[in-house]
C-alpha cells in the first residue's frame, strides 16, 4: 500500500496542511520532503529508515550523508536543502539571543554546522563585548585528519569584524571529540595572539560524533 492509498487525513502532506507541521512525526516530516517513496516502501518508511540509520533527528541534522536504499540523487538534494535551511535557522536564532552565557548556547549550532563534514574545518564565532553574536566563519579547511590554522588570519578576521571575544571550533571527522595535543597547543597560541589585540578566547569546541567537547569546561583555555 502506498501513501496515496491511505485515508486523506492520514497522508503526511494533507495532515500538515490541515493540522500544521507540529502534528507530524519526524518520519512524516521527512516524507513530505521526499515527496514519494520507492517500490515497496512508502516515503514515511524511508523517513523512519533514515532516522534509524542516523540515530535521531539531531544526528540527522548534523549529517546529511545518510544512505538508505531507494534514496536517489533528487531526494538527497531535497533533504540536503532542508537540512541546510535548518542549520541557517539555528544560526539566526543564535544571533538573536541577548548574549551567549553558557557553552550550551552555542554548542548545538556548532555541532549542526560542523559535525556532518567529511573533512576537518576550523571555524570561529565572533562576539561583541556583551557576548552577542557578530557572525560565524569557516576559516580553514583540511583533510580527514587535520586542518592548518594560521593565527595571523584569525587575528585579522577578529579585527575586521570588530570582535571583542571569540569562540573557536573545529570538527574531528573520525567522530572522537577528544582534544589532541595539537588542539591544546593551537588554542594556547591563539589565546595569546588574540590577547595582544584585546580579544578574549571564551571557548574552543571539538565537534565529534556525540556531544561537543568544551575545552573551557575542561580547564584548557
C-alpha atoms as a PDB file:
ATOM      1  CA  UNK A   1       0.000   0.000   0.000  1.00  0.00           C
ATOM      2  CA  UNK A   2       1.338   3.454  -0.921  1.00  0.00           C
ATOM      3  CA  UNK A   3       0.608   6.736   0.859  1.00  0.00           C
ATOM      4  CA  UNK A   4      -1.946   7.547  -1.858  1.00  0.00           C
ATOM      5  CA  UNK A   5      -3.966   4.584  -0.600  1.00  0.00           C
ATOM      6  CA  UNK A   6      -4.069   5.957   2.942  1.00  0.00           C
ATOM      7  CA  UNK A   7      -7.095   7.893   4.256  1.00  0.00           C
ATOM      8  CA  UNK A   8      -6.722  11.536   3.242  1.00  0.00           C
ATOM      9  CA  UNK A   9      -6.428  12.800   6.830  1.00  0.00           C
ATOM     10  CA  UNK A  10      -3.526  10.395   7.489  1.00  0.00           C
ATOM     11  CA  UNK A  11      -1.395  11.378   4.492  1.00  0.00           C
ATOM     12  CA  UNK A  12       1.592  13.460   5.672  1.00  0.00           C
ATOM     13  CA  UNK A  13       1.193  16.368   3.243  1.00  0.00           C
ATOM     14  CA  UNK A  14      -2.550  16.698   3.748  1.00  0.00           C
ATOM     15  CA  UNK A  15      -2.115  16.301   7.505  1.00  0.00           C
ATOM     16  CA  UNK A  16       0.486  19.082   7.512  1.00  0.00           C
ATOM     17  CA  UNK A  17      -1.790  21.437   5.566  1.00  0.00           C
ATOM     18  CA  UNK A  18      -4.832  20.775   7.739  1.00  0.00           C
ATOM     19  CA  UNK A  19      -3.274  20.351  11.187  1.00  0.00           C
ATOM     20  CA  UNK A  20       0.088  22.089  10.951  1.00  0.00           C
ATOM     21  CA  UNK A  21       3.658  20.817  10.771  1.00  0.00           C
ATOM     22  CA  UNK A  22       3.805  20.288  14.544  1.00  0.00           C
ATOM     23  CA  UNK A  23       1.241  17.482  14.227  1.00  0.00           C
ATOM     24  CA  UNK A  24       3.579  15.334  12.118  1.00  0.00           C
ATOM     25  CA  UNK A  25       6.132  12.856  13.387  1.00  0.00           C
ATOM     26  CA  UNK A  26       9.754  13.269  12.318  1.00  0.00           C
ATOM     27  CA  UNK A  27       9.354  10.449   9.786  1.00  0.00           C
ATOM     28  CA  UNK A  28       6.244  12.118   8.344  1.00  0.00           C
ATOM     29  CA  UNK A  29       8.065  15.454   8.012  1.00  0.00           C
ATOM     30  CA  UNK A  30      10.850  13.708   6.091  1.00  0.00           C
ATOM     31  CA  UNK A  31       8.210  12.015   3.921  1.00  0.00           C
ATOM     32  CA  UNK A  32       6.830  15.426   2.928  1.00  0.00           C
ATOM     33  CA  UNK A  33      10.339  16.494   1.898  1.00  0.00           C
ATOM     34  CA  UNK A  34      10.987  13.315  -0.074  1.00  0.00           C
ATOM     35  CA  UNK A  35       7.691  13.620  -1.936  1.00  0.00           C
ATOM     36  CA  UNK A  36       7.370   9.918  -2.713  1.00  0.00           C
ATOM     37  CA  UNK A  37       8.677   6.550  -1.695  1.00  0.00           C
ATOM     38  CA  UNK A  38      10.115   3.699  -3.718  1.00  0.00           C
ATOM     39  CA  UNK A  39       8.726   0.416  -4.919  1.00  0.00           C
ATOM     40  CA  UNK A  40       7.508  -1.492  -1.883  1.00  0.00           C
ATOM     41  CA  UNK A  41       8.477   1.295   0.538  1.00  0.00           C
ATOM     42  CA  UNK A  42       6.491   4.424   1.390  1.00  0.00           C
ATOM     43  CA  UNK A  43       8.071   7.823   1.965  1.00  0.00           C
ATOM     44  CA  UNK A  44       7.263   7.501   5.672  1.00  0.00           C
ATOM     45  CA  UNK A  45       9.078   4.168   5.807  1.00  0.00           C
ATOM     46  CA  UNK A  46      12.054   5.801   4.102  1.00  0.00           C
ATOM     47  CA  UNK A  47      11.931   8.575   6.692  1.00  0.00           C
ATOM     48  CA  UNK A  48      11.933   6.061   9.534  1.00  0.00           C
ATOM     49  CA  UNK A  49      14.874   4.226   7.973  1.00  0.00           C
ATOM     50  CA  UNK A  50      16.833   7.483   7.689  1.00  0.00           C
ATOM     51  CA  UNK A  51      16.176   8.390  11.322  1.00  0.00           C
ATOM     52  CA  UNK A  52      17.216   4.917  12.432  1.00  0.00           C
ATOM     53  CA  UNK A  53      20.394   4.987  10.346  1.00  0.00           C
ATOM     54  CA  UNK A  54      21.355   8.475  11.554  1.00  0.00           C
ATOM     55  CA  UNK A  55      20.368   7.907  15.170  1.00  0.00           C
ATOM     56  CA  UNK A  56      17.615  10.504  15.555  1.00  0.00           C
ATOM     57  CA  UNK A  57      16.614  13.981  14.426  1.00  0.00           C
ATOM     58  CA  UNK A  58      19.598  15.813  15.941  1.00  0.00           C
ATOM     59  CA  UNK A  59      22.017  13.348  14.389  1.00  0.00           C
ATOM     60  CA  UNK A  60      20.269  13.650  11.020  1.00  0.00           C
ATOM     61  CA  UNK A  61      20.519  17.440  11.231  1.00  0.00           C
ATOM     62  CA  UNK A  62      24.226  17.164  11.940  1.00  0.00           C
ATOM     63  CA  UNK A  63      24.980  14.930   8.981  1.00  0.00           C
ATOM     64  CA  UNK A  64      23.441  14.786   5.544  1.00  0.00           C
ATOM     65  CA  UNK A  65      25.340  11.772   4.217  1.00  0.00           C
ATOM     66  CA  UNK A  66      22.663   9.290   5.278  1.00  0.00           C
ATOM     67  CA  UNK A  67      22.400   6.376   2.859  1.00  0.00           C
ATOM     68  CA  UNK A  68      19.325   4.151   2.710  1.00  0.00           C
ATOM     69  CA  UNK A  69      18.105   2.016  -0.213  1.00  0.00           C
ATOM     70  CA  UNK A  70      15.868   3.991  -2.541  1.00  0.00           C
ATOM     71  CA  UNK A  71      17.197   7.417  -1.628  1.00  0.00           C
ATOM     72  CA  UNK A  72      18.271   8.714  -5.044  1.00  0.00           C
ATOM     73  CA  UNK A  73      20.005  11.985  -6.022  1.00  0.00           C
ATOM     74  CA  UNK A  74      16.798  14.045  -6.239  1.00  0.00           C
ATOM     75  CA  UNK A  75      15.606  13.001  -2.774  1.00  0.00           C
ATOM     76  CA  UNK A  76      19.064  13.520  -1.279  1.00  0.00           C
ATOM     77  CA  UNK A  77      19.141  17.018  -2.795  1.00  0.00           C
ATOM     78  CA  UNK A  78      15.766  17.905  -1.247  1.00  0.00           C
ATOM     79  CA  UNK A  79      16.864  16.617   2.129  1.00  0.00           C
ATOM     80  CA  UNK A  80      20.231  18.407   1.976  1.00  0.00           C
ATOM     81  CA  UNK A  81      18.472  21.682   1.150  1.00  0.00           C
ATOM     82  CA  UNK A  82      16.091  21.255   4.081  1.00  0.00           C
ATOM     83  CA  UNK A  83      18.930  20.420   6.482  1.00  0.00           C
ATOM     84  CA  UNK A  84      20.898  23.476   5.371  1.00  0.00           C
ATOM     85  CA  UNK A  85      17.829  25.669   5.946  1.00  0.00           C
ATOM     86  CA  UNK A  86      17.557  24.196   9.454  1.00  0.00           C
ATOM     87  CA  UNK A  87      21.229  24.970  10.133  1.00  0.00           C
ATOM     88  CA  UNK A  88      20.784  28.550   8.958  1.00  0.00           C
ATOM     89  CA  UNK A  89      17.698  28.889  11.128  1.00  0.00           C
ATOM     90  CA  UNK A  90      19.800  27.767  14.101  1.00  0.00           C
ATOM     91  CA  UNK A  91      22.324  30.440  13.175  1.00  0.00           C
ATOM     92  CA  UNK A  92      19.663  33.149  13.052  1.00  0.00           C
ATOM     93  CA  UNK A  93      18.333  32.040  16.447  1.00  0.00           C
ATOM     94  CA  UNK A  94      21.849  32.227  17.835  1.00  0.00           C
ATOM     95  CA  UNK A  95      22.317  35.777  16.570  1.00  0.00           C
ATOM     96  CA  UNK A  96      19.012  36.855  18.114  1.00  0.00           C
ATOM     97  CA  UNK A  97      19.970  35.701  21.614  1.00  0.00           C
ATOM     98  CA  UNK A  98      20.612  38.626  24.009  1.00  0.00           C
ATOM     99  CA  UNK A  99      24.005  37.068  24.763  1.00  0.00           C
ATOM    100  CA  UNK A 100      25.839  33.747  24.896  1.00  0.00           C
ATOM    101  CA  UNK A 101      26.221  32.938  28.563  1.00  0.00           C
ATOM    102  CA  UNK A 102      26.844  29.168  28.636  1.00  0.00           C
ATOM    103  CA  UNK A 103      28.606  26.658  26.354  1.00  0.00           C
ATOM    104  CA  UNK A 104      25.216  25.074  25.633  1.00  0.00           C
ATOM    105  CA  UNK A 105      24.055  28.256  23.869  1.00  0.00           C
ATOM    106  CA  UNK A 106      26.483  27.760  21.003  1.00  0.00           C
ATOM    107  CA  UNK A 107      27.286  24.014  21.115  1.00  0.00           C
ATOM    108  CA  UNK A 108      24.152  22.895  19.234  1.00  0.00           C
ATOM    109  CA  UNK A 109      24.739  25.381  16.437  1.00  0.00           C
ATOM    110  CA  UNK A 110      28.406  24.494  16.022  1.00  0.00           C
ATOM    111  CA  UNK A 111      27.567  20.786  16.028  1.00  0.00           C
ATOM    112  CA  UNK A 112      24.951  21.294  13.306  1.00  0.00           C
ATOM    113  CA  UNK A 113      27.391  23.300  11.185  1.00  0.00           C
ATOM    114  CA  UNK A 114      30.445  21.069  11.506  1.00  0.00           C
ATOM    115  CA  UNK A 115      29.578  17.542  12.581  1.00  0.00           C
ATOM    116  CA  UNK A 116      28.472  16.225   9.175  1.00  0.00           C
ATOM    117  CA  UNK A 117      31.581  17.354   7.271  1.00  0.00           C
ATOM    118  CA  UNK A 118      33.902  14.598   5.974  1.00  0.00           C
ATOM    119  CA  UNK A 119      36.959  16.868   6.278  1.00  0.00           C
ATOM    120  CA  UNK A 120      38.294  18.945   9.157  1.00  0.00           C
ATOM    121  CA  UNK A 121      37.225  22.576   9.414  1.00  0.00           C
ATOM    122  CA  UNK A 122      38.380  25.276  11.828  1.00  0.00           C
ATOM    123  CA  UNK A 123      35.756  27.944  12.469  1.00  0.00           C
ATOM    124  CA  UNK A 124      35.066  30.949  14.679  1.00  0.00           C
ATOM    125  CA  UNK A 125      32.041  32.539  16.307  1.00  0.00           C
ATOM    126  CA  UNK A 126      32.696  36.276  16.683  1.00  0.00           C
ATOM    127  CA  UNK A 127      31.146  38.112  19.650  1.00  0.00           C
ATOM    128  CA  UNK A 128      30.875  41.715  20.786  1.00  0.00           C
ATOM    129  CA  UNK A 129      31.739  42.909  24.297  1.00  0.00           C
ATOM    130  CA  UNK A 130      28.304  41.771  25.540  1.00  0.00           C
ATOM    131  CA  UNK A 131      28.819  38.302  24.034  1.00  0.00           C
ATOM    132  CA  UNK A 132      26.250  38.878  21.284  1.00  0.00           C
ATOM    133  CA  UNK A 133      26.998  37.038  18.044  1.00  0.00           C
ATOM    134  CA  UNK A 134      28.542  39.146  15.285  1.00  0.00           C
ATOM    135  CA  UNK A 135      28.977  36.294  12.845  1.00  0.00           C
ATOM    136  CA  UNK A 136      30.313  32.836  12.064  1.00  0.00           C
ATOM    137  CA  UNK A 137      33.011  31.850   9.578  1.00  0.00           C
ATOM    138  CA  UNK A 138      34.852  28.735   8.459  1.00  0.00           C
ATOM    139  CA  UNK A 139      38.458  29.920   8.262  1.00  0.00           C
ATOM    140  CA  UNK A 140      40.453  26.819   7.375  1.00  0.00           C
ATOM    141  CA  UNK A 141      39.684  23.506   5.698  1.00  0.00           C
ATOM    142  CA  UNK A 142      41.817  20.421   5.694  1.00  0.00           C
ATOM    143  CA  UNK A 143      41.685  16.693   5.137  1.00  0.00           C
ATOM    144  CA  UNK A 144      40.085  13.942   7.169  1.00  0.00           C
ATOM    145  CA  UNK A 145      42.787  14.199   9.825  1.00  0.00           C
ATOM    146  CA  UNK A 146      43.714  17.850  10.129  1.00  0.00           C
ATOM    147  CA  UNK A 147      43.497  21.475   9.052  1.00  0.00           C
ATOM    148  CA  UNK A 148      46.318  24.008   9.253  1.00  0.00           C
ATOM    149  CA  UNK A 149      45.418  27.007  11.404  1.00  0.00           C
ATOM    150  CA  UNK A 150      47.221  30.320  10.906  1.00  0.00           C
ATOM    151  CA  UNK A 151      46.899  32.661  13.924  1.00  0.00           C
ATOM    152  CA  UNK A 152      47.590  35.722  11.767  1.00  0.00           C
ATOM    153  CA  UNK A 153      44.402  35.070   9.763  1.00  0.00           C
ATOM    154  CA  UNK A 154      42.323  34.582  12.910  1.00  0.00           C
ATOM    155  CA  UNK A 155      43.638  37.879  14.304  1.00  0.00           C
ATOM    156  CA  UNK A 156      42.902  39.641  11.005  1.00  0.00           C
ATOM    157  CA  UNK A 157      39.300  38.378  10.937  1.00  0.00           C
ATOM    158  CA  UNK A 158      38.690  39.438  14.543  1.00  0.00           C
ATOM    159  CA  UNK A 159      39.921  42.959  13.772  1.00  0.00           C
ATOM    160  CA  UNK A 160      37.831  43.125  10.583  1.00  0.00           C
ATOM    161  CA  UNK A 161      34.687  42.134  12.486  1.00  0.00           C
ATOM    162  CA  UNK A 162      35.487  44.355  15.486  1.00  0.00           C
ATOM    163  CA  UNK A 163      35.130  41.328  17.756  1.00  0.00           C
ATOM    164  CA  UNK A 164      35.695  41.593  21.489  1.00  0.00           C
ATOM    165  CA  UNK A 165      35.611  37.841  22.052  1.00  0.00           C
ATOM    166  CA  UNK A 166      35.647  34.653  20.003  1.00  0.00           C
ATOM    167  CA  UNK A 167      34.593  31.021  20.326  1.00  0.00           C
ATOM    168  CA  UNK A 168      36.810  28.633  18.391  1.00  0.00           C
ATOM    169  CA  UNK A 169      35.571  25.344  16.965  1.00  0.00           C
ATOM    170  CA  UNK A 170      36.764  22.513  14.799  1.00  0.00           C
ATOM    171  CA  UNK A 171      35.459  19.076  13.917  1.00  0.00           C
ATOM    172  CA  UNK A 172      37.033  15.642  14.110  1.00  0.00           C
ATOM    173  CA  UNK A 173      35.729  13.613  11.131  1.00  0.00           C
ATOM    174  CA  UNK A 174      36.824  10.468  12.986  1.00  0.00           C
ATOM    175  CA  UNK A 175      33.975  11.145  15.404  1.00  0.00           C
ATOM    176  CA  UNK A 176      36.171  11.289  18.525  1.00  0.00           C
ATOM    177  CA  UNK A 177      35.660  14.665  20.204  1.00  0.00           C
ATOM    178  CA  UNK A 178      38.766  14.474  22.374  1.00  0.00           C
ATOM    179  CA  UNK A 179      41.146  17.468  22.159  1.00  0.00           C
ATOM    180  CA  UNK A 180      44.553  16.428  20.871  1.00  0.00           C
ATOM    181  CA  UNK A 181      47.905  17.820  21.961  1.00  0.00           C
ATOM    182  CA  UNK A 182      47.905  19.891  18.744  1.00  0.00           C
ATOM    183  CA  UNK A 183      44.436  21.240  19.597  1.00  0.00           C
ATOM    184  CA  UNK A 184      45.631  22.343  23.006  1.00  0.00           C
ATOM    185  CA  UNK A 185      48.760  23.937  21.556  1.00  0.00           C
ATOM    186  CA  UNK A 186      46.932  25.976  18.875  1.00  0.00           C
ATOM    187  CA  UNK A 187      44.348  27.072  21.452  1.00  0.00           C
ATOM    188  CA  UNK A 188      47.091  28.494  23.672  1.00  0.00           C
ATOM    189  CA  UNK A 189      48.767  30.136  20.669  1.00  0.00           C
ATOM    190  CA  UNK A 190      45.520  31.757  19.532  1.00  0.00           C
ATOM    191  CA  UNK A 191      44.633  32.835  23.069  1.00  0.00           C
ATOM    192  CA  UNK A 192      47.988  34.585  23.454  1.00  0.00           C
ATOM    193  CA  UNK A 193      47.906  36.161  19.965  1.00  0.00           C
ATOM    194  CA  UNK A 194      44.359  37.473  20.358  1.00  0.00           C
ATOM    195  CA  UNK A 195      45.083  38.807  23.848  1.00  0.00           C
ATOM    196  CA  UNK A 196      47.535  41.234  22.227  1.00  0.00           C
ATOM    197  CA  UNK A 197      44.625  42.930  20.421  1.00  0.00           C
ATOM    198  CA  UNK A 198      42.204  42.709  23.360  1.00  0.00           C
ATOM    199  CA  UNK A 199      40.126  39.772  22.072  1.00  0.00           C
ATOM    200  CA  UNK A 200      39.251  37.034  24.570  1.00  0.00           C
ATOM    201  CA  UNK A 201      39.006  33.354  23.639  1.00  0.00           C
ATOM    202  CA  UNK A 202      35.943  32.150  25.546  1.00  0.00           C
ATOM    203  CA  UNK A 203      35.992  28.531  24.443  1.00  0.00           C
ATOM    204  CA  UNK A 204      37.202  26.041  21.879  1.00  0.00           C
ATOM    205  CA  UNK A 205      34.732  23.304  20.939  1.00  0.00           C
ATOM    206  CA  UNK A 206      35.779  19.988  19.442  1.00  0.00           C
ATOM    207  CA  UNK A 207      32.910  18.547  17.398  1.00  0.00           C
ATOM    208  CA  UNK A 208      32.671  14.781  17.052  1.00  0.00           C
ATOM    209  CA  UNK A 209      30.013  12.096  16.888  1.00  0.00           C
ATOM    210  CA  UNK A 210      28.473  12.807  20.299  1.00  0.00           C
ATOM    211  CA  UNK A 211      28.208  15.949  22.367  1.00  0.00           C
ATOM    212  CA  UNK A 212      30.771  18.658  21.551  1.00  0.00           C
ATOM    213  CA  UNK A 213      33.697  18.890  23.953  1.00  0.00           C
ATOM    214  CA  UNK A 214      34.181  22.292  25.568  1.00  0.00           C
ATOM    215  CA  UNK A 215      37.859  22.942  26.227  1.00  0.00           C
ATOM    216  CA  UNK A 216      36.887  25.766  28.597  1.00  0.00           C
ATOM    217  CA  UNK A 217      34.859  23.293  30.663  1.00  0.00           C
ATOM    218  CA  UNK A 218      37.953  21.068  30.763  1.00  0.00           C
ATOM    219  CA  UNK A 219      40.062  23.959  32.068  1.00  0.00           C
ATOM    220  CA  UNK A 220      42.129  24.118  28.860  1.00  0.00           C
ATOM    221  CA  UNK A 221      41.552  27.793  27.977  1.00  0.00           C
END
